């Protein structure tokens, strides 16, 4: 896991009470697996924007899949 993935992974684990769930991996679909809901998605976007001083636009949300930690990290990396 790279630094961006690790930061997002840790944020989600800590803020969504995931604990030591072995099913929570960087490539698990956060929404289909029930780890995050739509309000949680907003929290993750806000975290990424503040942490890396980027803007994730509505267009980004439409164009790029952001369903896994890996996908979210890829969008963040593309914005840096």
N, C-alpha and C. Protein backbone atom coordinates (compact mmCIF):
# COMPACT_ATOMS: atom_id res chain seq x y z
N UNK A 1 0.84 -1.17 0.00
CA UNK A 1 0.00 0.00 0.00
C UNK A 1 0.90 1.25 0.00
N UNK A 2 0.56 2.22 -0.85
CA UNK A 2 1.34 3.45 -0.85
C UNK A 2 0.84 4.37 0.27
N UNK A 3 1.49 5.52 0.44
CA UNK A 3 1.16 6.42 1.55
C UNK A 3 -0.27 6.96 1.46
N UNK A 4 -0.72 7.27 0.25
CA UNK A 4 -2.09 7.79 0.09
C UNK A 4 -3.09 6.71 0.47
N UNK A 5 -2.91 5.52 -0.07
CA UNK A 5 -3.81 4.41 0.26
C UNK A 5 -3.83 4.16 1.76
N UNK A 6 -2.66 4.17 2.38
CA UNK A 6 -2.57 3.90 3.82
C UNK A 6 -3.34 4.95 4.62
N UNK A 7 -3.20 6.22 4.26
CA UNK A 7 -3.88 7.28 4.98
C UNK A 7 -5.40 7.15 4.84
N UNK A 8 -5.87 6.85 3.65
CA UNK A 8 -7.32 6.68 3.42
C UNK A 8 -7.82 5.44 4.15
N UNK A 9 -7.07 4.36 4.05
CA UNK A 9 -7.41 3.11 4.73
C UNK A 9 -7.54 3.33 6.23
N UNK A 10 -6.55 3.99 6.81
CA UNK A 10 -6.56 4.26 8.25
C UNK A 10 -7.72 5.17 8.65
N UNK A 11 -7.99 6.20 7.83
CA UNK A 11 -9.10 7.11 8.11
C UNK A 11 -10.42 6.34 8.15
N UNK A 12 -10.64 5.50 7.16
CA UNK A 12 -11.90 4.75 7.09
C UNK A 12 -11.98 3.77 8.27
N UNK A 13 -10.92 3.05 8.54
CA UNK A 13 -10.91 2.08 9.64
C UNK A 13 -11.25 2.77 10.97
N UNK A 14 -10.67 3.93 11.20
CA UNK A 14 -10.87 4.64 12.47
C UNK A 14 -12.23 5.33 12.56
N UNK A 15 -12.70 5.89 11.46
CA UNK A 15 -13.91 6.71 11.51
C UNK A 15 -15.20 5.96 11.24
N UNK A 16 -15.10 4.74 10.78
CA UNK A 16 -16.30 3.96 10.48
C UNK A 16 -16.37 2.68 11.32
N UNK A 17 -15.65 2.68 12.42
CA UNK A 17 -15.70 1.58 13.40
C UNK A 17 -15.55 0.20 12.76
N UNK A 18 -14.54 0.05 11.94
CA UNK A 18 -14.33 -1.22 11.25
C UNK A 18 -13.54 -2.20 12.11
N UNK A 19 -12.67 -1.68 12.94
CA UNK A 19 -11.91 -2.57 13.82
C UNK A 19 -10.99 -3.48 13.03
N UNK A 20 -10.95 -4.73 13.43
CA UNK A 20 -10.04 -5.70 12.80
C UNK A 20 -10.75 -6.61 11.81
N UNK A 21 -11.82 -6.13 11.19
CA UNK A 21 -12.57 -6.95 10.24
C UNK A 21 -11.65 -7.40 9.11
N UNK A 22 -11.47 -8.71 8.95
CA UNK A 22 -10.56 -9.22 7.92
C UNK A 22 -11.06 -8.96 6.50
N UNK A 23 -12.34 -8.65 6.34
CA UNK A 23 -12.89 -8.37 5.02
C UNK A 23 -12.57 -6.96 4.54
N UNK A 24 -12.11 -6.10 5.45
CA UNK A 24 -11.77 -4.73 5.07
C UNK A 24 -10.35 -4.70 4.51
N UNK A 25 -10.27 -4.59 3.19
CA UNK A 25 -8.99 -4.57 2.48
C UNK A 25 -8.99 -3.36 1.52
N UNK A 26 -7.84 -2.98 1.00
CA UNK A 26 -7.78 -1.83 0.10
C UNK A 26 -8.59 -2.00 -1.19
N UNK A 27 -8.92 -3.24 -1.54
CA UNK A 27 -9.67 -3.44 -2.79
C UNK A 27 -11.11 -3.88 -2.58
N UNK A 28 -11.60 -3.85 -1.34
CA UNK A 28 -12.99 -4.23 -1.10
C UNK A 28 -13.92 -3.07 -1.49
N UNK A 29 -15.05 -3.39 -2.07
CA UNK A 29 -16.05 -2.38 -2.44
C UNK A 29 -16.67 -1.86 -1.14
N UNK A 30 -16.36 -0.61 -0.80
CA UNK A 30 -16.76 -0.05 0.49
C UNK A 30 -18.26 0.01 0.68
N UNK A 31 -19.00 0.24 -0.40
CA UNK A 31 -20.44 0.43 -0.30
C UNK A 31 -21.20 -0.89 -0.37
N UNK A 32 -20.82 -1.74 -1.33
CA UNK A 32 -21.48 -3.04 -1.45
C UNK A 32 -21.24 -3.90 -0.21
N UNK A 33 -20.09 -3.72 0.43
CA UNK A 33 -19.75 -4.50 1.62
C UNK A 33 -20.33 -3.91 2.89
N UNK A 34 -20.90 -2.73 2.79
CA UNK A 34 -21.54 -2.11 3.95
C UNK A 34 -20.60 -1.39 4.90
N UNK A 35 -19.36 -1.18 4.49
CA UNK A 35 -18.42 -0.47 5.36
C UNK A 35 -18.71 1.03 5.40
N UNK A 36 -19.20 1.58 4.28
CA UNK A 36 -19.44 3.01 4.16
C UNK A 36 -20.78 3.23 3.47
N UNK A 37 -21.51 4.28 3.92
CA UNK A 37 -22.74 4.65 3.24
C UNK A 37 -22.52 5.97 2.50
N UNK A 38 -23.58 6.54 1.93
CA UNK A 38 -23.42 7.75 1.12
C UNK A 38 -22.92 8.93 1.95
N UNK A 39 -23.34 9.04 3.19
CA UNK A 39 -22.83 10.12 4.04
C UNK A 39 -21.35 9.90 4.35
N UNK A 40 -20.97 8.66 4.51
CA UNK A 40 -19.57 8.34 4.73
C UNK A 40 -18.72 8.70 3.53
N UNK A 41 -19.28 8.55 2.33
CA UNK A 41 -18.55 8.92 1.12
C UNK A 41 -18.20 10.40 1.14
N UNK A 42 -19.13 11.21 1.62
CA UNK A 42 -18.88 12.65 1.72
C UNK A 42 -17.75 12.92 2.70
N UNK A 43 -17.75 12.21 3.82
CA UNK A 43 -16.69 12.37 4.82
C UNK A 43 -15.32 12.00 4.24
N UNK A 44 -15.27 10.96 3.45
CA UNK A 44 -14.01 10.52 2.85
C UNK A 44 -13.51 11.56 1.86
N UNK A 45 -14.41 12.10 1.04
CA UNK A 45 -14.03 13.13 0.08
C UNK A 45 -13.52 14.37 0.81
N UNK A 46 -14.22 14.77 1.86
CA UNK A 46 -13.79 15.95 2.64
C UNK A 46 -12.42 15.70 3.28
N UNK A 47 -12.21 14.51 3.80
CA UNK A 47 -10.91 14.16 4.37
C UNK A 47 -9.80 14.30 3.33
N UNK A 48 -10.03 13.72 2.16
CA UNK A 48 -9.02 13.76 1.10
C UNK A 48 -8.74 15.19 0.65
N UNK A 49 -9.79 15.98 0.50
CA UNK A 49 -9.60 17.37 0.07
C UNK A 49 -8.80 18.17 1.09
N UNK A 50 -9.09 17.98 2.36
CA UNK A 50 -8.38 18.71 3.41
C UNK A 50 -6.95 18.20 3.58
N UNK A 51 -6.79 16.90 3.58
CA UNK A 51 -5.47 16.31 3.82
C UNK A 51 -4.46 16.66 2.73
N UNK A 52 -4.91 16.58 1.48
CA UNK A 52 -3.99 16.80 0.36
C UNK A 52 -4.21 18.14 -0.35
N UNK A 53 -5.10 18.96 0.18
CA UNK A 53 -5.39 20.28 -0.39
C UNK A 53 -5.70 20.19 -1.89
N UNK A 54 -6.67 19.33 -2.19
CA UNK A 54 -7.13 19.13 -3.57
C UNK A 54 -8.62 19.39 -3.61
N UNK A 55 -9.18 19.41 -4.82
CA UNK A 55 -10.63 19.50 -4.97
C UNK A 55 -11.10 18.30 -5.78
N UNK A 56 -12.03 17.58 -5.21
CA UNK A 56 -12.66 16.47 -5.93
C UNK A 56 -14.03 17.00 -6.34
N UNK A 57 -14.21 17.16 -7.64
CA UNK A 57 -15.42 17.79 -8.16
C UNK A 57 -16.53 16.77 -8.40
N UNK A 58 -17.71 17.28 -8.66
CA UNK A 58 -18.84 16.42 -9.02
C UNK A 58 -18.50 15.63 -10.29
N UNK A 59 -17.79 16.28 -11.19
CA UNK A 59 -17.37 15.62 -12.43
C UNK A 59 -16.45 14.43 -12.12
N UNK A 60 -15.53 14.62 -11.19
CA UNK A 60 -14.65 13.51 -10.78
C UNK A 60 -15.46 12.34 -10.25
N UNK A 61 -16.46 12.67 -9.45
CA UNK A 61 -17.29 11.62 -8.85
C UNK A 61 -18.06 10.85 -9.91
N UNK A 62 -18.37 11.53 -11.01
CA UNK A 62 -19.10 10.89 -12.10
C UNK A 62 -18.17 10.09 -13.01
N UNK A 63 -16.99 10.65 -13.28
CA UNK A 63 -16.07 10.04 -14.24
C UNK A 63 -15.26 8.87 -13.69
N UNK A 64 -14.89 8.94 -12.41
CA UNK A 64 -13.96 7.95 -11.87
C UNK A 64 -14.61 7.11 -10.78
N UNK A 65 -14.41 5.80 -10.85
CA UNK A 65 -14.94 4.97 -9.77
C UNK A 65 -14.17 5.25 -8.48
N UNK A 66 -14.89 5.41 -7.40
CA UNK A 66 -14.26 5.62 -6.10
C UNK A 66 -14.97 4.74 -5.07
N UNK A 67 -14.93 3.45 -5.35
CA UNK A 67 -15.63 2.49 -4.51
C UNK A 67 -14.71 1.72 -3.57
N UNK A 68 -13.42 1.81 -3.80
CA UNK A 68 -12.45 1.10 -2.96
C UNK A 68 -11.39 2.09 -2.49
N UNK A 69 -10.65 1.71 -1.49
CA UNK A 69 -9.54 2.55 -1.03
C UNK A 69 -8.57 2.77 -2.19
N UNK A 70 -8.28 1.74 -2.95
CA UNK A 70 -7.35 1.86 -4.07
C UNK A 70 -7.85 2.86 -5.12
N UNK A 71 -9.15 2.83 -5.43
CA UNK A 71 -9.70 3.74 -6.42
C UNK A 71 -9.69 5.18 -5.92
N UNK A 72 -10.03 5.37 -4.65
CA UNK A 72 -10.01 6.71 -4.07
C UNK A 72 -8.59 7.27 -4.10
N UNK A 73 -7.63 6.44 -3.72
CA UNK A 73 -6.22 6.85 -3.70
C UNK A 73 -5.75 7.21 -5.12
N UNK A 74 -6.20 6.50 -6.12
CA UNK A 74 -5.80 6.79 -7.50
C UNK A 74 -6.32 8.17 -7.93
N UNK A 75 -7.54 8.51 -7.54
CA UNK A 75 -8.09 9.83 -7.87
C UNK A 75 -7.30 10.91 -7.15
N UNK A 76 -7.01 10.70 -5.87
CA UNK A 76 -6.23 11.67 -5.10
C UNK A 76 -4.86 11.86 -5.76
N UNK A 77 -4.20 10.77 -6.11
CA UNK A 77 -2.87 10.85 -6.72
C UNK A 77 -2.93 11.62 -8.04
N UNK A 78 -4.01 11.44 -8.80
CA UNK A 78 -4.11 12.14 -10.09
C UNK A 78 -4.30 13.64 -9.90
N UNK A 79 -4.78 14.05 -8.74
CA UNK A 79 -5.01 15.45 -8.45
C UNK A 79 -3.76 16.15 -7.90
N UNK A 80 -2.79 15.38 -7.46
CA UNK A 80 -1.59 15.98 -6.86
C UNK A 80 -0.59 16.42 -7.92
